Each structure stands twice: as C-alpha cells, then as structure tokens.
Amino acid sequence: MIRDLSQVLRRILEDTRLSSRFPELAEAQISFERPSETFSPGQTTVNLFLYDIREHLELRNNEPTIDRDNGHVIIHNPPKRIACSYLVTAWPIGGEELPLQEHRLLSQVLQVFLA
C-alpha cells in the first residue's frame, strides 16, 4: 500500500502533460532516498522522503460496515485511515543561485500536488 502511494506520487510528478507548464520539474529525476550528508544526485532531483506514518485519528470511524447477501449478514471492521508525511526536497545541479532554483522546483511540486 505504501509503495503504491509513492508510485502514484511519482506518476503525478512525471506526468508528461505538465512539461510545458513546469519545465524544470519535467527535467527532474524523482527519488525517494533517505536524506543524508552523502546524498548527491547526478542530475536535478526532487526527493520525497517518507518520514512519518500514523493512523489519521480525525478520520477514524468506529462504525462497522454491514453487507447483506442472500440472507447472510457480513460485518466488516471499519477501514483504517493512514496519514503519510513526506519531506520534499529539491536538488538542482549547476547554474546560478541554487537556492532560488530549489525554491522554483518546490513551488512547481506544490502547484502540481495542490491542483
């Protein structure tokens, strides 16, 4: 389930329909590496590190679901809602004003996810 979530996030950010609106993001590699002092990508990269997983208590529902089928009743426990938190960092390679390039990449990621 968590791997699937990460793959969906990657697909969203790598959607080719976004390339004209977000050219820097379209050229970036998407990774899911743990941040470390030795992390040094070889090309411009947006890194999404999953740092926290917990039950989303505000969405908790204690009511079971009930299915009826041919006179049989099946009671299911309510689904668990999980909150996954990612640390998103940008790693531009080359050029001037690297912090501003990072900010631009992060802005593009936000615009894509909030659209």
C-alpha atoms as a PDB file:
ATOM      1  CA  MET A   1       0.000   0.000   0.000  1.00  0.00           C
ATOM      2  CA  ILE A   2       2.743   2.490   0.932  1.00  0.00           C
ATOM      3  CA  ARG A   3       4.815   1.556  -2.115  1.00  0.00           C
ATOM      4  CA  ASP A   4       1.720   2.132  -4.260  1.00  0.00           C
ATOM      5  CA  LEU A   5       1.273   5.598  -2.754  1.00  0.00           C
ATOM      6  CA  SER A   6       4.866   6.521  -3.555  1.00  0.00           C
ATOM      7  CA  GLN A   7       4.494   5.238  -7.118  1.00  0.00           C
ATOM      8  CA  VAL A   8       1.351   7.343  -7.582  1.00  0.00           C
ATOM      9  CA  LEU A   9       3.190  10.437  -6.333  1.00  0.00           C
ATOM     10  CA  ARG A  10       5.983   9.708  -8.821  1.00  0.00           C
ATOM     11  CA  ARG A  11       3.491   9.281 -11.691  1.00  0.00           C
ATOM     12  CA  ILE A  12       1.807  12.569 -10.810  1.00  0.00           C
ATOM     13  CA  LEU A  13       5.112  14.464 -10.833  1.00  0.00           C
ATOM     14  CA  GLU A  14       6.323  12.746 -14.022  1.00  0.00           C
ATOM     15  CA  ASP A  15       3.112  13.349 -15.983  1.00  0.00           C
ATOM     16  CA  THR A  16       4.278  14.490 -19.432  1.00  0.00           C
ATOM     17  CA  ARG A  17       1.281  16.817 -19.755  1.00  0.00           C
ATOM     18  CA  LEU A  18       2.910  19.055 -17.132  1.00  0.00           C
ATOM     19  CA  SER A  19       6.170  19.592 -19.035  1.00  0.00           C
ATOM     20  CA  SER A  20       5.178  22.818 -20.791  1.00  0.00           C
ATOM     21  CA  ARG A  21       3.885  24.427 -17.596  1.00  0.00           C
ATOM     22  CA  PHE A  22       6.639  23.111 -15.299  1.00  0.00           C
ATOM     23  CA  PRO A  23       9.752  22.574 -17.456  1.00  0.00           C
ATOM     24  CA  GLU A  24      12.222  22.362 -14.554  1.00  0.00           C
ATOM     25  CA  LEU A  25      10.122  19.733 -12.799  1.00  0.00           C
ATOM     26  CA  ALA A  26       9.716  17.797 -16.051  1.00  0.00           C
ATOM     27  CA  GLU A  27      13.508  17.516 -16.332  1.00  0.00           C
ATOM     28  CA  ALA A  28      13.997  16.461 -12.709  1.00  0.00           C
ATOM     29  CA  GLN A  29      14.520  12.921 -11.528  1.00  0.00           C
ATOM     30  CA  ILE A  30      12.083  11.834  -8.790  1.00  0.00           C
ATOM     31  CA  SER A  31      13.613   9.851  -5.924  1.00  0.00           C
ATOM     32  CA  PHE A  32      12.621   8.534  -2.504  1.00  0.00           C
ATOM     33  CA  GLU A  33      16.019   8.444  -0.780  1.00  0.00           C
ATOM     34  CA  ARG A  34      16.672   8.944   2.904  1.00  0.00           C
ATOM     35  CA  PRO A  35      18.347  12.348   3.377  1.00  0.00           C
ATOM     36  CA  SER A  36      21.989  12.045   4.351  1.00  0.00           C
ATOM     37  CA  GLU A  37      25.189  14.011   4.116  1.00  0.00           C
ATOM     38  CA  THR A  38      26.314  11.787   1.259  1.00  0.00           C
ATOM     39  CA  PHE A  39      23.145  12.226  -0.831  1.00  0.00           C
ATOM     40  CA  SER A  40      24.406  13.842  -4.016  1.00  0.00           C
ATOM     41  CA  PRO A  41      22.282  13.156  -7.095  1.00  0.00           C
ATOM     42  CA  GLY A  42      23.912  13.298 -10.510  1.00  0.00           C
ATOM     43  CA  GLN A  43      21.080  15.303 -12.049  1.00  0.00           C
ATOM     44  CA  THR A  44      18.429  17.744 -10.879  1.00  0.00           C
ATOM     45  CA  THR A  45      16.266  15.784  -8.458  1.00  0.00           C
ATOM     46  CA  VAL A  46      13.113  16.156  -6.408  1.00  0.00           C
ATOM     47  CA  ASN A  47      13.345  13.818  -3.429  1.00  0.00           C
ATOM     48  CA  LEU A  48      10.288  12.663  -1.477  1.00  0.00           C
ATOM     49  CA  PHE A  49      11.280  11.017   1.806  1.00  0.00           C
ATOM     50  CA  LEU A  50       8.512   9.253   3.726  1.00  0.00           C
ATOM     51  CA  TYR A  51       9.295  10.210   7.319  1.00  0.00           C
ATOM     52  CA  ASP A  52       6.073   9.502   9.233  1.00  0.00           C
ATOM     53  CA  ILE A  53       3.209   7.019   9.032  1.00  0.00           C
ATOM     54  CA  ARG A  54       0.372   7.005  11.546  1.00  0.00           C
ATOM     55  CA  GLU A  55      -3.342   6.488  11.861  1.00  0.00           C
ATOM     56  CA  HIS A  56      -5.321   9.592  10.885  1.00  0.00           C
ATOM     57  CA  LEU A  57      -7.372   9.877  14.072  1.00  0.00           C
ATOM     58  CA  GLU A  58      -9.590  12.717  12.844  1.00  0.00           C
ATOM     59  CA  LEU A  59     -10.935  10.438  10.110  1.00  0.00           C
ATOM     60  CA  ARG A  60     -11.375   7.430  12.392  1.00  0.00           C
ATOM     61  CA  ASN A  61     -14.747   5.740  12.089  1.00  0.00           C
ATOM     62  CA  ASN A  62     -15.711   3.094  14.640  1.00  0.00           C
ATOM     63  CA  GLU A  63     -18.878   2.010  12.850  1.00  0.00           C
ATOM     64  CA  PRO A  64     -18.604  -1.376  11.166  1.00  0.00           C
ATOM     65  CA  THR A  65     -19.887  -1.818   7.633  1.00  0.00           C
ATOM     66  CA  ILE A  66     -22.629  -4.359   7.083  1.00  0.00           C
ATOM     67  CA  ASP A  67     -23.108  -6.320   3.854  1.00  0.00           C
ATOM     68  CA  ARG A  68     -26.180  -8.412   3.203  1.00  0.00           C
ATOM     69  CA  ASP A  69     -26.027 -11.230   0.669  1.00  0.00           C
ATOM     70  CA  ASN A  70     -28.754 -13.853   0.161  1.00  0.00           C
ATOM     71  CA  GLY A  71     -29.951 -13.637   3.745  1.00  0.00           C
ATOM     72  CA  HIS A  72     -26.443 -13.632   5.189  1.00  0.00           C
ATOM     73  CA  VAL A  73     -25.055 -10.680   7.086  1.00  0.00           C
ATOM     74  CA  ILE A  74     -21.346  -9.960   6.953  1.00  0.00           C
ATOM     75  CA  ILE A  75     -19.929  -7.408   9.373  1.00  0.00           C
ATOM     76  CA  HIS A  76     -16.622  -5.759   8.465  1.00  0.00           C
ATOM     77  CA  ASN A  77     -14.405  -3.689  10.707  1.00  0.00           C
ATOM     78  CA  PRO A  78     -14.217  -0.072   9.565  1.00  0.00           C
ATOM     79  CA  PRO A  79     -11.234   0.786   7.363  1.00  0.00           C
ATOM     80  CA  LYS A  80      -8.197   2.414   8.930  1.00  0.00           C
ATOM     81  CA  ARG A  81      -7.214   5.827   7.611  1.00  0.00           C
ATOM     82  CA  ILE A  82      -3.478   6.378   7.433  1.00  0.00           C
ATOM     83  CA  ALA A  83      -1.589   9.674   7.174  1.00  0.00           C
ATOM     84  CA  CYS A  84       1.738   9.528   5.353  1.00  0.00           C
ATOM     85  CA  SER A  85       4.062  12.526   5.652  1.00  0.00           C
ATOM     86  CA  TYR A  86       6.792  13.170   3.117  1.00  0.00           C
ATOM     87  CA  LEU A  87       9.726  15.561   3.325  1.00  0.00           C
ATOM     88  CA  VAL A  88      10.108  17.060  -0.162  1.00  0.00           C
ATOM     89  CA  THR A  89      13.489  18.493  -1.113  1.00  0.00           C
ATOM     90  CA  ALA A  90      14.858  19.861  -4.380  1.00  0.00           C
ATOM     91  CA  TRP A  91      18.388  19.280  -5.617  1.00  0.00           C
ATOM     92  CA  PRO A  92      19.278  21.389  -8.686  1.00  0.00           C
ATOM     93  CA  ILE A  93      22.558  20.657 -10.438  1.00  0.00           C
ATOM     94  CA  GLY A  94      24.600  23.513 -11.859  1.00  0.00           C
ATOM     95  CA  GLY A  95      23.656  27.022 -12.750  1.00  0.00           C
ATOM     96  CA  GLU A  96      23.480  30.127 -10.634  1.00  0.00           C
ATOM     97  CA  GLU A  97      21.528  30.859  -7.471  1.00  0.00           C
ATOM     98  CA  LEU A  98      20.939  27.242  -6.468  1.00  0.00           C
ATOM     99  CA  PRO A  99      18.630  28.168  -3.558  1.00  0.00           C
ATOM    100  CA  LEU A 100      16.313  30.024  -5.953  1.00  0.00           C
ATOM    101  CA  GLN A 101      16.320  27.021  -8.302  1.00  0.00           C
ATOM    102  CA  GLU A 102      15.366  24.843  -5.308  1.00  0.00           C
ATOM    103  CA  HIS A 103      12.520  27.214  -4.458  1.00  0.00           C
ATOM    104  CA  ARG A 104      11.259  27.149  -8.036  1.00  0.00           C
ATOM    105  CA  LEU A 105      11.254  23.337  -8.117  1.00  0.00           C
ATOM    106  CA  LEU A 106       9.497  23.147  -4.751  1.00  0.00           C
ATOM    107  CA  SER A 107       6.918  25.688  -5.939  1.00  0.00           C
ATOM    108  CA  GLN A 108       6.241  23.571  -9.016  1.00  0.00           C
ATOM    109  CA  VAL A 109       5.808  20.443  -6.870  1.00  0.00           C
ATOM    110  CA  LEU A 110       3.332  22.299  -4.650  1.00  0.00           C
ATOM    111  CA  GLN A 111       1.377  23.578  -7.628  1.00  0.00           C
ATOM    112  CA  VAL A 112       1.103  20.065  -9.055  1.00  0.00           C
ATOM    113  CA  PHE A 113       0.013  18.463  -5.779  1.00  0.00           C
ATOM    114  CA  LEU A 114      -2.435  21.245  -4.902  1.00  0.00           C
ATOM    115  CA  ALA A 115      -4.061  21.357  -8.352  1.00  0.00           C
END
